[in-house]
């Protein structure tokens, strides 16, 4: 699966801000208040959550465990109890 362009999130956010401000359901002040509250972040969290759930269901369907990257490759702090 190809990773989407990081600028895509920004483009989507700009579209949502434009829609909030121009849809007529909110005054400019109300739209700006929603933006200041960072309510649009919930849309991105929701999308990531749905993707994670999809991967989880797919792994269950294929009877495979979820992938766990080796701890040694991602650890930045050397633990004294691991003998490093």
Protein backbone atom coordinates (compact mmCIF):
# COMPACT_ATOMS: atom_id res chain seq x y z
CA UNK A 1 0.00 0.00 0.00
CA UNK A 2 1.51 3.31 -1.05
CA UNK A 3 1.85 5.97 1.61
CA UNK A 4 -0.15 9.12 0.79
CA UNK A 5 1.58 12.44 0.29
CA UNK A 6 1.90 14.23 3.67
CA UNK A 7 0.60 17.43 2.06
CA UNK A 8 -2.69 15.63 1.43
CA UNK A 9 -3.81 16.12 5.05
CA UNK A 10 -3.16 19.84 4.74
CA UNK A 11 -5.09 20.05 1.47
CA UNK A 12 -8.05 18.21 3.00
CA UNK A 13 -7.95 20.51 6.04
CA UNK A 14 -7.92 23.59 3.79
CA UNK A 15 -10.98 22.27 1.94
CA UNK A 16 -12.84 21.67 5.20
CA UNK A 17 -11.99 25.14 6.48
CA UNK A 18 -13.25 26.61 3.22
CA UNK A 19 -16.46 24.56 3.48
CA UNK A 20 -17.00 25.58 7.12
CA UNK A 21 -16.63 29.24 6.27
CA UNK A 22 -18.74 29.20 3.09
CA UNK A 23 -21.54 26.69 3.75
CA UNK A 24 -23.79 29.27 5.42
CA UNK A 25 -24.46 27.10 8.49
CA UNK A 26 -21.95 29.03 10.61
CA UNK A 27 -21.02 32.66 10.97
CA UNK A 28 -17.38 33.51 10.28
CA UNK A 29 -16.80 33.78 14.04
CA UNK A 30 -18.40 30.37 14.72
CA UNK A 31 -16.33 28.75 11.98
CA UNK A 32 -13.14 30.35 13.31
CA UNK A 33 -14.03 29.17 16.83
CA UNK A 34 -14.45 25.57 15.61
CA UNK A 35 -11.11 25.80 13.82
CA UNK A 36 -9.42 27.25 16.92
CA UNK A 37 -10.79 24.31 18.95
CA UNK A 38 -9.04 22.01 16.43
CA UNK A 39 -12.27 20.08 15.87
CA UNK A 40 -11.10 19.06 12.40
CA UNK A 41 -8.38 16.89 13.97
CA UNK A 42 -11.17 14.49 14.93
CA UNK A 43 -11.76 13.75 11.24
CA UNK A 44 -8.16 12.67 10.79
CA UNK A 45 -8.19 10.59 13.97
CA UNK A 46 -11.39 8.92 12.79
CA UNK A 47 -9.85 8.08 9.41
CA UNK A 48 -6.72 6.60 11.01
CA UNK A 49 -8.86 4.60 13.43
CA UNK A 50 -10.95 3.13 10.63
CA UNK A 51 -7.75 2.17 8.79
CA UNK A 52 -6.34 0.47 11.88
CA UNK A 53 -9.58 -1.45 12.44
CA UNK A 54 -9.50 -2.54 8.77
CA UNK A 55 -5.95 -3.86 9.17
CA UNK A 56 -6.92 -5.66 12.37
CA UNK A 57 -9.93 -7.35 10.72
CA UNK A 58 -7.84 -8.30 7.69
CA UNK A 59 -5.16 -9.89 9.89
CA UNK A 60 -7.85 -11.85 11.78
CA UNK A 61 -9.41 -12.97 8.49
CA UNK A 62 -6.01 -14.18 7.26
CA UNK A 63 -5.38 -15.83 10.66
CA UNK A 64 -2.16 -13.87 11.10
CA UNK A 65 -1.02 -11.99 14.19
CA UNK A 66 -0.63 -8.23 14.07
CA UNK A 67 2.86 -7.29 12.95
CA UNK A 68 5.19 -6.29 15.76
CA UNK A 69 8.43 -4.63 14.74
CA UNK A 70 11.48 -5.88 16.69
CA UNK A 71 11.96 -3.84 19.87
CA UNK A 72 15.69 -3.47 19.23
CA UNK A 73 15.03 -1.56 15.98
CA UNK A 74 12.80 1.08 17.57
CA UNK A 75 14.23 1.55 21.05
CA UNK A 76 16.07 4.84 21.51
CA UNK A 77 16.73 4.42 25.21
CA UNK A 78 19.02 1.69 26.41
CA UNK A 79 17.40 -0.26 29.18
CA UNK A 80 19.61 -1.42 32.07
CA UNK A 81 17.50 -4.54 32.69
CA UNK A 82 17.94 -5.72 29.06
CA UNK A 83 21.71 -5.96 29.43
CA UNK A 84 22.42 -3.36 26.72
